[in-house]
Amino acid sequence: MNHPENYYRYFALFNNEEFWEAHEALEELWKETDNDLFLRGLIVFAAAFVHVQRNNPSGCRKVLDKCIDWLGSYSPRHWDLDVDRVLEHARFCRAQLDRIPAGEPLTRHLPFIKLSLEQ
């Protein structure tokens, strides 16, 4: 299946740990839709790791909750993406947030994931 160019760009940027840029790339595509929750879920998934990089647990928690909620109905796969894998990682990170001691860098506890499309 062929997807819009910004969809592929999102994955390249995300995997390069350029989470803000990934978020922006997909947001451009999302604005062309009628509030597509799949795209919104991926946007906030990237935003979660922006918050990890900025050591902002509250912001990370909020967007991970949205990610899990919005992507849930697209399980197990959508647009050649293993949505279950994304959800599993989002849930893992969300659970870890409640265990991280105050002041600890989030990057020590919340691993970045590499995403890929499967056709």
C-alpha atoms as a PDB file:
ATOM      1  CA  MET A   1       0.000   0.000   0.000  1.00  0.00           C
ATOM      2  CA  ASN A   2       1.276   3.454  -0.868  1.00  0.00           C
ATOM      3  CA  HIS A   3       1.029   6.115   1.792  1.00  0.00           C
ATOM      4  CA  PRO A   4       1.500   9.888   1.765  1.00  0.00           C
ATOM      5  CA  GLU A   5       5.114  11.028   1.740  1.00  0.00           C
ATOM      6  CA  ASN A   6       4.844  12.655   5.189  1.00  0.00           C
ATOM      7  CA  TYR A   7       3.809   9.303   6.667  1.00  0.00           C
ATOM      8  CA  TYR A   8       7.119   7.773   5.563  1.00  0.00           C
ATOM      9  CA  ARG A   9       8.944  10.922   6.667  1.00  0.00           C
ATOM     10  CA  TYR A  10       7.441  10.541  10.157  1.00  0.00           C
ATOM     11  CA  PHE A  11       9.073   7.112  10.568  1.00  0.00           C
ATOM     12  CA  ALA A  12      12.463   8.262   9.304  1.00  0.00           C
ATOM     13  CA  LEU A  13      12.473  11.229  11.677  1.00  0.00           C
ATOM     14  CA  PHE A  14      11.090   9.209  14.600  1.00  0.00           C
ATOM     15  CA  ASN A  15      13.752   6.520  14.179  1.00  0.00           C
ATOM     16  CA  ASN A  16      16.405   9.235  14.071  1.00  0.00           C
ATOM     17  CA  GLU A  17      15.068  10.428  17.464  1.00  0.00           C
ATOM     18  CA  GLU A  18      13.927  13.696  15.900  1.00  0.00           C
ATOM     19  CA  PHE A  19      10.595  13.427  17.651  1.00  0.00           C
ATOM     20  CA  TRP A  20       9.499  17.047  17.339  1.00  0.00           C
ATOM     21  CA  GLU A  21      10.148  16.998  13.608  1.00  0.00           C
ATOM     22  CA  ALA A  22       8.308  13.666  13.286  1.00  0.00           C
ATOM     23  CA  HIS A  23       5.359  15.160  15.128  1.00  0.00           C
ATOM     24  CA  GLU A  24       5.363  18.152  12.772  1.00  0.00           C
ATOM     25  CA  ALA A  25       5.621  16.019   9.620  1.00  0.00           C
ATOM     26  CA  LEU A  26       2.574  13.980  10.537  1.00  0.00           C
ATOM     27  CA  GLU A  27       0.638  16.982  11.799  1.00  0.00           C
ATOM     28  CA  GLU A  28       0.799  18.474   8.293  1.00  0.00           C
ATOM     29  CA  LEU A  29      -0.847  15.320   6.960  1.00  0.00           C
ATOM     30  CA  TRP A  30      -3.374  15.181   9.808  1.00  0.00           C
ATOM     31  CA  LYS A  31      -4.545  18.731   9.069  1.00  0.00           C
ATOM     32  CA  GLU A  32      -5.684  17.481   5.655  1.00  0.00           C
ATOM     33  CA  THR A  33      -8.001  14.933   7.284  1.00  0.00           C
ATOM     34  CA  ASP A  34     -11.204  15.126   9.249  1.00  0.00           C
ATOM     35  CA  ASN A  35      -9.523  14.585  12.654  1.00  0.00           C
ATOM     36  CA  ASP A  36      -8.034  11.173  11.855  1.00  0.00           C
ATOM     37  CA  LEU A  37      -7.408   9.554  15.265  1.00  0.00           C
ATOM     38  CA  PHE A  38      -4.813   7.133  13.883  1.00  0.00           C
ATOM     39  CA  LEU A  39      -2.626  10.019  12.758  1.00  0.00           C
ATOM     40  CA  ARG A  40      -3.324  11.939  15.969  1.00  0.00           C
ATOM     41  CA  GLY A  41      -2.276   8.886  17.972  1.00  0.00           C
ATOM     42  CA  LEU A  42       1.041   8.693  16.146  1.00  0.00           C
ATOM     43  CA  ILE A  43       1.545  12.441  16.513  1.00  0.00           C
ATOM     44  CA  VAL A  44       1.168  12.268  20.283  1.00  0.00           C
ATOM     45  CA  PHE A  45       3.322   9.125  20.407  1.00  0.00           C
ATOM     46  CA  ALA A  46       6.158  11.222  18.982  1.00  0.00           C
ATOM     47  CA  ALA A  47       5.229  14.070  21.313  1.00  0.00           C
ATOM     48  CA  ALA A  48       5.630  11.716  24.273  1.00  0.00           C
ATOM     49  CA  PHE A  49       9.298  11.298  23.413  1.00  0.00           C
ATOM     50  CA  VAL A  50       9.729  15.043  23.003  1.00  0.00           C
ATOM     51  CA  HIS A  51       8.642  15.197  26.647  1.00  0.00           C
ATOM     52  CA  VAL A  52      11.085  12.403  27.509  1.00  0.00           C
ATOM     53  CA  GLN A  53      13.914  14.373  25.904  1.00  0.00           C
ATOM     54  CA  ARG A  54      12.822  17.486  27.822  1.00  0.00           C
ATOM     55  CA  ASN A  55      12.450  15.503  31.058  1.00  0.00           C
ATOM     56  CA  ASN A  56       8.790  16.437  31.444  1.00  0.00           C
ATOM     57  CA  PRO A  57       6.989  13.474  33.066  1.00  0.00           C
ATOM     58  CA  SER A  58       3.643  15.252  33.346  1.00  0.00           C
ATOM     59  CA  GLY A  59       3.547  16.120  29.645  1.00  0.00           C
ATOM     60  CA  CYS A  60       4.697  12.628  28.717  1.00  0.00           C
ATOM     61  CA  ARG A  61       1.980  11.035  30.848  1.00  0.00           C
ATOM     62  CA  LYS A  62      -0.763  13.177  29.277  1.00  0.00           C
ATOM     63  CA  VAL A  63       0.153  12.444  25.682  1.00  0.00           C
ATOM     64  CA  LEU A  64       0.776   8.732  26.284  1.00  0.00           C
ATOM     65  CA  ASP A  65      -2.745   8.470  27.705  1.00  0.00           C
ATOM     66  CA  LYS A  66      -4.091  10.115  24.536  1.00  0.00           C
ATOM     67  CA  CYS A  67      -1.945   7.869  22.333  1.00  0.00           C
ATOM     68  CA  ILE A  68      -3.233   4.710  23.982  1.00  0.00           C
ATOM     69  CA  ASP A  69      -6.808   5.913  23.754  1.00  0.00           C
ATOM     70  CA  TRP A  70      -6.667   7.066  20.142  1.00  0.00           C
ATOM     71  CA  LEU A  71      -4.686   4.138  18.697  1.00  0.00           C
ATOM     72  CA  GLY A  72      -6.616   1.415  20.523  1.00  0.00           C
ATOM     73  CA  SER A  73      -9.298   1.054  17.874  1.00  0.00           C
ATOM     74  CA  TYR A  74      -6.663   0.580  15.137  1.00  0.00           C
ATOM     75  CA  SER A  75      -5.243  -2.574  16.695  1.00  0.00           C
ATOM     76  CA  PRO A  76      -3.683  -4.853  15.573  1.00  0.00           C
ATOM     77  CA  ARG A  77      -2.503  -3.241  12.304  1.00  0.00           C
ATOM     78  CA  HIS A  78      -3.292  -0.145  10.303  1.00  0.00           C
ATOM     79  CA  TRP A  79      -1.561   1.504   7.338  1.00  0.00           C
ATOM     80  CA  ASP A  80       1.090  -1.260   7.376  1.00  0.00           C
ATOM     81  CA  LEU A  81       2.029  -0.458  10.983  1.00  0.00           C
ATOM     82  CA  ASP A  82       2.015  -2.961  13.826  1.00  0.00           C
ATOM     83  CA  VAL A  83      -0.202  -0.808  16.042  1.00  0.00           C
ATOM     84  CA  ASP A  84      -0.130  -3.423  18.807  1.00  0.00           C
ATOM     85  CA  ARG A  85       3.643  -2.963  19.083  1.00  0.00           C
ATOM     86  CA  VAL A  86       3.252   0.812  19.378  1.00  0.00           C
ATOM     87  CA  LEU A  87       0.533   0.384  22.003  1.00  0.00           C
ATOM     88  CA  GLU A  88       2.638  -2.110  23.938  1.00  0.00           C
ATOM     89  CA  HIS A  89       5.519   0.353  24.083  1.00  0.00           C
ATOM     90  CA  ALA A  90       3.241   3.265  24.986  1.00  0.00           C
ATOM     91  CA  ARG A  91       1.701   1.236  27.827  1.00  0.00           C
ATOM     92  CA  PHE A  92       5.128   0.148  29.050  1.00  0.00           C
ATOM     93  CA  CYS A  93       6.365   3.756  29.117  1.00  0.00           C
ATOM     94  CA  ARG A  94       3.158   4.918  30.801  1.00  0.00           C
ATOM     95  CA  ALA A  95       3.564   2.316  33.556  1.00  0.00           C
ATOM     96  CA  GLN A  96       7.254   3.183  34.002  1.00  0.00           C
ATOM     97  CA  LEU A  97       6.439   6.860  34.512  1.00  0.00           C
ATOM     98  CA  ASP A  98       4.769   6.033  37.805  1.00  0.00           C
ATOM     99  CA  ARG A  99       7.915   4.253  39.004  1.00  0.00           C
ATOM    100  CA  ILE A 100      10.558   6.830  38.126  1.00  0.00           C
ATOM    101  CA  PRO A 101      11.926   8.639  41.188  1.00  0.00           C
ATOM    102  CA  ALA A 102      11.401  12.401  41.146  1.00  0.00           C
ATOM    103  CA  GLY A 103      14.255  14.217  39.463  1.00  0.00           C
ATOM    104  CA  GLU A 104      15.563  11.156  37.609  1.00  0.00           C
ATOM    105  CA  PRO A 105      16.137  11.718  33.894  1.00  0.00           C
ATOM    106  CA  LEU A 106      13.330  10.092  31.931  1.00  0.00           C
ATOM    107  CA  THR A 107      15.782   8.909  29.274  1.00  0.00           C
ATOM    108  CA  ARG A 108      17.253   6.452  31.807  1.00  0.00           C
ATOM    109  CA  HIS A 109      13.915   4.685  32.183  1.00  0.00           C
ATOM    110  CA  LEU A 110      11.933   5.174  28.976  1.00  0.00           C
ATOM    111  CA  PRO A 111      13.641   3.584  25.987  1.00  0.00           C
ATOM    112  CA  PHE A 112      13.113   4.877  22.493  1.00  0.00           C
ATOM    113  CA  ILE A 113      11.603   2.409  20.044  1.00  0.00           C
ATOM    114  CA  LYS A 114      12.363   2.005  16.347  1.00  0.00           C
ATOM    115  CA  LEU A 115       9.293   1.845  14.129  1.00  0.00           C
ATOM    116  CA  SER A 116       8.931   0.116  10.788  1.00  0.00           C
ATOM    117  CA  LEU A 117       6.237  -0.532   8.246  1.00  0.00           C
ATOM    118  CA  GLU A 118       5.454  -4.048   7.125  1.00  0.00           C
ATOM    119  CA  GLN A 119       3.753  -4.710   3.837  1.00  0.00           C
END
